[in-house]
Amino acid sequence: MMHTYTAKYTQIPSGYMGQLIEWPEVITEGKTIEKCREMLQDALNEMIAAYKQQKKEIPVGRVLFEQIPVEV
């Protein structure tokens, strides 16, 4: 079964930090956004493998995002 996760990227002094919204424990950093994306995919695959080995339930994506306009 295919699941989709939502990645959030934040620019930090050393490059980018990537984290999954639905699974905050999956987090990594990379010098470029492309490298961060690649490392986040690897971290997700490793976390899935660890959860399967421990027979833990794997979080699934159920997040709804909505932009809220505000005048500043």
Protein backbone atom coordinates (compact mmCIF):
# COMPACT_ATOMS: atom_id res chain seq x y z
CA MET A 1 0.00 0.00 0.00
CA MET A 2 1.32 3.43 -0.94
CA HIS A 3 1.24 6.25 1.63
CA THR A 4 2.11 9.88 1.12
CA TYR A 5 3.83 12.00 3.75
CA THR A 6 4.17 15.77 3.92
CA ALA A 7 7.70 17.16 4.19
CA LYS A 8 8.48 20.53 5.76
CA TYR A 9 11.80 22.15 4.89
CA THR A 10 13.32 24.93 6.96
CA GLN A 11 16.40 26.89 5.94
CA ILE A 12 19.02 26.78 8.70
CA PRO A 13 22.58 28.17 8.89
CA SER A 14 24.12 24.87 7.70
CA GLY A 15 21.62 24.35 4.84
CA TYR A 16 18.14 22.81 5.27
CA MET A 17 16.31 20.80 7.88
CA GLY A 18 13.63 18.40 6.65
CA GLN A 19 10.90 16.85 8.79
CA LEU A 20 7.72 14.91 8.14
CA ILE A 21 4.56 16.59 9.42
CA GLU A 22 2.73 13.33 10.09
CA TRP A 23 5.78 11.64 11.65
CA PRO A 24 7.90 14.32 13.41
CA GLU A 25 10.51 11.78 14.52
CA VAL A 26 11.62 11.52 10.87
CA ILE A 27 13.95 14.51 10.65
CA THR A 28 17.27 15.23 8.94
CA GLU A 29 19.52 17.97 7.56
CA GLY A 30 21.34 18.58 4.29
CA LYS A 31 23.53 21.30 2.76
CA THR A 32 21.09 21.74 -0.15
CA ILE A 33 17.35 21.19 -0.35
CA GLU A 34 17.97 18.38 -2.85
CA LYS A 35 20.36 16.62 -0.44
CA CYS A 36 17.96 17.20 2.45
CA ARG A 37 15.11 15.68 0.41
CA GLU A 38 17.25 12.65 -0.42
CA MET A 39 18.28 12.20 3.21
CA LEU A 40 14.68 12.60 4.41
CA GLN A 41 13.61 9.80 2.05
CA ASP A 42 16.40 7.61 3.46
CA ALA A 43 15.40 8.47 7.03
CA LEU A 44 11.78 7.59 6.25
CA ASN A 45 12.78 4.22 4.77
CA GLU A 46 14.94 3.46 7.82
CA MET A 47 12.16 4.45 10.24
CA ILE A 48 9.65 2.25 8.40
CA ALA A 49 12.07 -0.68 8.59
CA ALA A 50 12.63 -0.10 12.32
CA TYR A 51 8.90 0.14 13.05
CA LYS A 52 8.21 -3.05 11.09
CA GLN A 53 10.95 -4.88 12.97
CA GLN A 54 9.51 -3.70 16.31
CA LYS A 55 5.97 -4.49 15.13
CA LYS A 56 4.92 -0.89 15.79
CA GLU A 57 2.13 0.83 13.88
CA ILE A 58 3.45 3.06 11.10
CA PRO A 59 1.88 6.54 11.10
CA VAL A 60 -0.04 7.38 7.94
CA GLY A 61 -0.63 10.76 6.33
CA ARG A 62 -3.90 12.35 7.41
CA VAL A 63 -2.95 16.01 7.48
CA LEU A 64 -5.01 18.78 5.91
CA PHE A 65 -3.17 21.99 5.13
CA GLU A 66 -4.89 25.28 4.56
CA GLN A 67 -3.35 28.69 4.07
CA ILE A 68 -4.93 31.41 6.15
CA PRO A 69 -4.48 34.96 4.80
CA VAL A 70 -3.71 37.73 7.26
CA GLU A 71 -2.83 41.35 6.70
CA VAL A 72 0.36 42.46 8.44
